[in-house]
Amino acid sequence: ANKTAFDDRDPPSMTVPDGFECVLTPRQWQGVVEFSRAVDAKIATSMAVSTGTRDAAGHWQPDMARRFFAFSRAVGGEIVAAEFMNEPTAPFLAGVPKGWGAGDYARDFRAFRAFAREIAPNMLVLGPGSVGEAHGKEGDLTTRQLLTASSPAVDVFSYHHYGAASLRCADGDWWPQTSRQAALAEDWLASASRGLDYYRALR
């Protein structure tokens, strides 16, 4: 989501705009909305935050998010919760400007919070959506830094737990891996509880 452009034109351009890595089409998102309605599920998501969403000074702008929310409503969708950014403790994965740090997160998060209250006042704001720290895989920023910079701005504290990553992520050492045998061991099963304990203390 961090580096995905939403193109609400019909038909959409499949050329990826500068500052993004891929394009989400109206038909694809309408499929998400239709699926959520068919199974009575709620939609939670996060915003694009890569350089394609930013002004010349590197500040996040809500223009694309505004079109995304408008389209969602037009096709009968409701986004009940959203994170500003997916996994901000690992900004090197997000396509944000070089040197982007906790102060930049605080500024951009305030802009998102104001946008969310304007466009969807009943939507829950989730955050910070951290990853990795409970298992010694800290990124460039910590949850403590993010909460200090933006608090008290979230409605729901959130974090992401990976007991193991998919095989497509296995070529690096940042994402945890496991085996079929290890995944049945008590220590591996308990890793979810260790993550909960870690983030509960920060909350």
Protein backbone atom coordinates (compact mmCIF):
# COMPACT_ATOMS: atom_id res chain seq x y z
CA ALA A 1 0.00 0.00 0.00
CA ASN A 2 2.85 2.42 0.76
CA LYS A 3 3.96 2.60 -2.87
CA THR A 4 0.69 1.85 -4.72
CA ALA A 5 -0.99 4.56 -6.79
CA PHE A 6 -4.78 4.57 -7.08
CA ASP A 7 -6.02 5.54 -10.53
CA ASP A 8 -9.76 6.30 -10.50
CA ARG A 9 -10.01 6.92 -14.25
CA ASP A 10 -11.96 4.58 -16.50
CA PRO A 11 -10.09 3.02 -18.14
CA PRO A 12 -7.11 3.57 -15.82
CA SER A 13 -3.63 4.18 -17.12
CA MET A 14 -1.46 1.17 -16.40
CA THR A 15 1.67 3.31 -16.54
CA VAL A 16 3.07 3.51 -13.02
CA PRO A 17 3.43 7.19 -12.05
CA ASP A 18 6.73 8.53 -10.76
CA GLY A 19 7.17 7.89 -7.06
CA PHE A 20 5.16 4.64 -7.02
CA GLU A 21 5.80 0.97 -7.77
CA CYS A 22 2.38 -0.24 -8.93
CA VAL A 23 -1.19 0.82 -9.69
CA LEU A 24 -4.47 -0.18 -8.03
CA THR A 25 -7.31 0.04 -10.57
CA PRO A 26 -10.94 0.95 -9.86
CA ARG A 27 -12.05 -2.55 -10.91
CA GLN A 28 -9.62 -4.16 -8.47
CA TRP A 29 -10.78 -2.03 -5.56
CA GLN A 30 -14.43 -2.51 -6.45
CA GLY A 31 -13.73 -6.24 -6.23
CA VAL A 32 -12.46 -5.74 -2.68
CA VAL A 33 -15.60 -3.80 -1.77
CA GLU A 34 -17.89 -6.42 -3.30
CA PHE A 35 -16.06 -9.22 -1.50
CA SER A 36 -16.30 -7.42 1.84
CA ARG A 37 -20.04 -6.97 1.39
CA ALA A 38 -20.54 -10.59 0.29
CA VAL A 39 -18.89 -11.99 3.41
CA ASP A 40 -19.97 -9.19 5.79
CA ALA A 41 -16.37 -8.13 6.45
CA LYS A 42 -15.11 -4.69 7.38
CA ILE A 43 -12.39 -2.92 5.43
CA ALA A 44 -9.20 -1.72 7.11
CA THR A 45 -6.35 -0.38 5.01
CA SER A 46 -3.48 2.08 4.90
CA MET A 47 -2.50 4.98 2.67
CA ALA A 48 0.10 5.44 -0.03
CA VAL A 49 2.99 7.45 1.42
CA SER A 50 5.82 7.12 -1.12
CA THR A 51 7.37 10.08 -2.89
CA GLY A 52 4.55 10.17 -5.45
CA THR A 53 2.17 11.42 -2.74
CA ARG A 54 4.37 14.32 -1.66
CA ASP A 55 4.88 17.98 -2.53
CA ALA A 56 8.20 19.58 -3.44
CA ALA A 57 9.11 19.90 0.24
CA GLY A 58 8.53 16.18 0.82
CA HIS A 59 5.30 16.64 2.81
CA TRP A 60 2.53 14.06 2.43
CA GLN A 61 -0.52 15.29 0.49
CA PRO A 62 -4.02 13.70 0.73
CA ASP A 63 -5.06 14.22 -2.91
CA MET A 64 -4.83 10.55 -3.94
CA ALA A 65 -6.29 9.36 -0.63
CA ARG A 66 -9.22 11.73 -1.17
CA ARG A 67 -9.96 10.19 -4.58
CA PHE A 68 -9.59 6.70 -3.10
CA PHE A 69 -12.15 7.37 -0.35
CA ALA A 70 -14.55 9.06 -2.79
CA PHE A 71 -14.43 6.07 -5.12
CA SER A 72 -14.91 3.64 -2.23
CA ARG A 73 -18.08 5.46 -1.18
CA ALA A 74 -19.32 5.66 -4.77
CA VAL A 75 -19.21 1.86 -5.12
CA GLY A 76 -20.83 1.22 -1.74
CA GLY A 77 -17.69 0.63 0.30
CA GLU A 78 -16.90 1.82 3.79
CA ILE A 79 -13.40 1.97 5.20
CA VAL A 80 -13.94 1.53 8.91
CA ALA A 81 -10.28 1.78 9.96
CA ALA A 82 -7.01 2.93 8.43
CA GLU A 83 -3.37 3.23 9.29
CA PHE A 84 -1.57 6.22 7.87
CA MET A 85 1.37 4.08 6.81
CA ASN A 86 2.14 0.40 6.65
CA GLU A 87 4.95 -0.56 9.05
CA PRO A 88 6.58 2.85 9.63
CA THR A 89 9.27 1.28 11.81
CA ALA A 90 10.74 0.03 8.51
CA PRO A 91 10.53 3.17 6.33
CA PHE A 92 13.23 1.79 4.02
CA LEU A 93 10.45 -0.43 2.61
CA ALA A 94 7.99 2.43 2.10
CA GLY A 95 9.50 4.62 -0.61
CA VAL A 96 9.56 7.74 1.60
CA PRO A 97 12.14 10.48 0.97
CA LYS A 98 15.72 9.78 2.00
CA GLY A 99 16.40 10.78 5.61
CA TRP A 100 12.71 10.69 6.54
CA GLY A 101 12.48 10.31 10.33
CA ALA A 102 10.28 10.57 13.41
CA GLY A 103 9.70 14.31 13.02
CA ASP A 104 8.59 13.80 9.43
CA TYR A 105 6.29 10.98 10.54
CA ALA A 106 4.71 13.28 13.15
CA ARG A 107 4.09 16.02 10.57
CA ASP A 108 2.68 13.63 7.97
CA PHE A 109 0.58 11.79 10.55
CA ARG A 110 -1.00 15.08 11.68
CA ALA A 111 -1.92 15.79 8.06
CA PHE A 112 -3.45 12.32 7.72
CA ARG A 113 -5.33 12.65 11.00
CA ALA A 114 -6.84 15.98 9.90
CA PHE A 115 -7.76 14.47 6.53
CA ALA A 116 -9.36 11.42 8.18
CA ARG A 117 -11.48 13.54 10.51
CA GLU A 118 -12.67 15.61 7.56
CA ILE A 119 -13.39 12.84 5.06
CA ALA A 120 -14.44 9.97 7.36
CA PRO A 121 -15.10 11.28 10.88
CA ASN A 122 -16.29 7.90 12.18
CA MET A 123 -13.33 5.95 10.84
CA LEU A 124 -10.89 4.54 13.39
CA VAL A 125 -7.30 5.68 13.02
CA LEU A 126 -4.94 2.77 13.66
CA GLY A 127 -1.30 3.03 14.50
CA PRO A 128 1.51 2.94 14.42
CA GLY A 129 1.42 -0.47 12.67
CA SER A 130 4.93 -1.43 13.75
CA VAL A 131 6.78 -4.59 12.85
CA GLY A 132 9.78 -6.64 13.92
CA GLU A 133 10.86 -5.06 17.19
CA ALA A 134 9.54 -7.80 19.45
CA HIS A 135 11.89 -10.21 17.73
CA GLY A 136 14.99 -8.03 17.60
CA LYS A 137 14.44 -6.79 14.05
CA GLU A 138 14.32 -3.05 14.61
CA GLY A 139 14.19 -0.82 11.57
CA ASP A 140 15.20 2.82 11.24
CA LEU A 141 12.50 4.01 13.66
CA THR A 142 11.07 2.54 16.85
CA THR A 143 7.49 2.39 18.04
CA ARG A 144 8.46 4.49 21.04
CA GLN A 145 9.76 7.24 18.73
CA LEU A 146 6.62 7.12 16.59
CA LEU A 147 4.25 7.24 19.56
CA THR A 148 6.21 10.06 21.18
CA ALA A 149 6.10 12.01 17.93
CA SER A 150 2.39 11.55 17.20
CA SER A 151 0.67 10.79 20.52
CA PRO A 152 -2.14 10.91 21.42
CA ALA A 153 -3.48 10.62 17.90
CA VAL A 154 -4.50 6.99 17.36
CA ASP A 155 -7.85 5.47 18.21
CA VAL A 156 -6.51 1.91 18.15
CA PHE A 157 -2.96 0.75 18.87
CA SER A 158 -1.82 -1.68 16.18
CA TYR A 159 1.21 -3.78 15.35
CA HIS A 160 2.01 -6.53 12.86
CA HIS A 161 3.29 -9.96 13.86
CA TYR A 162 5.07 -12.30 11.48
CA GLY A 163 5.60 -15.76 12.84
CA ALA A 164 7.24 -16.39 9.50
CA ALA A 165 7.23 -14.56 6.21
CA SER A 166 6.20 -16.00 2.87
CA LEU A 167 8.77 -17.72 0.68
CA ARG A 168 8.92 -14.70 -1.63
CA CYS A 169 10.57 -12.82 1.26
CA ALA A 170 13.06 -15.58 2.06
CA ASP A 171 15.98 -14.05 0.16
CA GLY A 172 16.76 -11.54 2.91
CA ASP A 173 17.62 -11.96 6.58
CA TRP A 174 15.21 -9.30 7.88
CA TRP A 175 12.03 -11.38 7.67
CA PRO A 176 11.67 -14.43 9.93
CA GLN A 177 11.50 -17.88 8.41
CA THR A 178 10.64 -21.30 9.84
CA SER A 179 10.23 -24.92 8.84
CA ARG A 180 7.22 -27.25 9.07
CA GLN A 181 8.78 -28.98 12.04
CA ALA A 182 9.78 -25.78 13.86
CA ALA A 183 6.32 -24.28 13.29
CA LEU A 184 4.84 -26.98 15.53
CA ALA A 185 7.24 -26.27 18.40
CA GLU A 186 6.03 -24.53 21.54
CA ASP A 187 8.69 -21.82 21.30
CA TRP A 188 7.62 -20.84 17.79
CA LEU A 189 3.93 -20.89 18.70
CA ALA A 190 4.70 -18.70 21.72
CA SER A 191 6.27 -16.01 19.53
CA ALA A 192 2.85 -14.42 19.03
CA SER A 193 2.52 -14.02 22.80
CA ARG A 194 5.99 -12.50 23.05
CA GLY A 195 5.01 -9.97 20.41
CA LEU A 196 1.82 -9.14 22.25
CA ASP A 197 3.70 -8.68 25.55
CA TYR A 198 6.25 -6.40 23.90
CA TYR A 199 3.72 -4.10 22.25
CA ARG A 200 1.30 -4.19 25.17
CA ALA A 201 4.06 -2.71 27.34
CA LEU A 202 4.68 0.08 24.80
CA ARG A 203 0.97 0.78 24.55
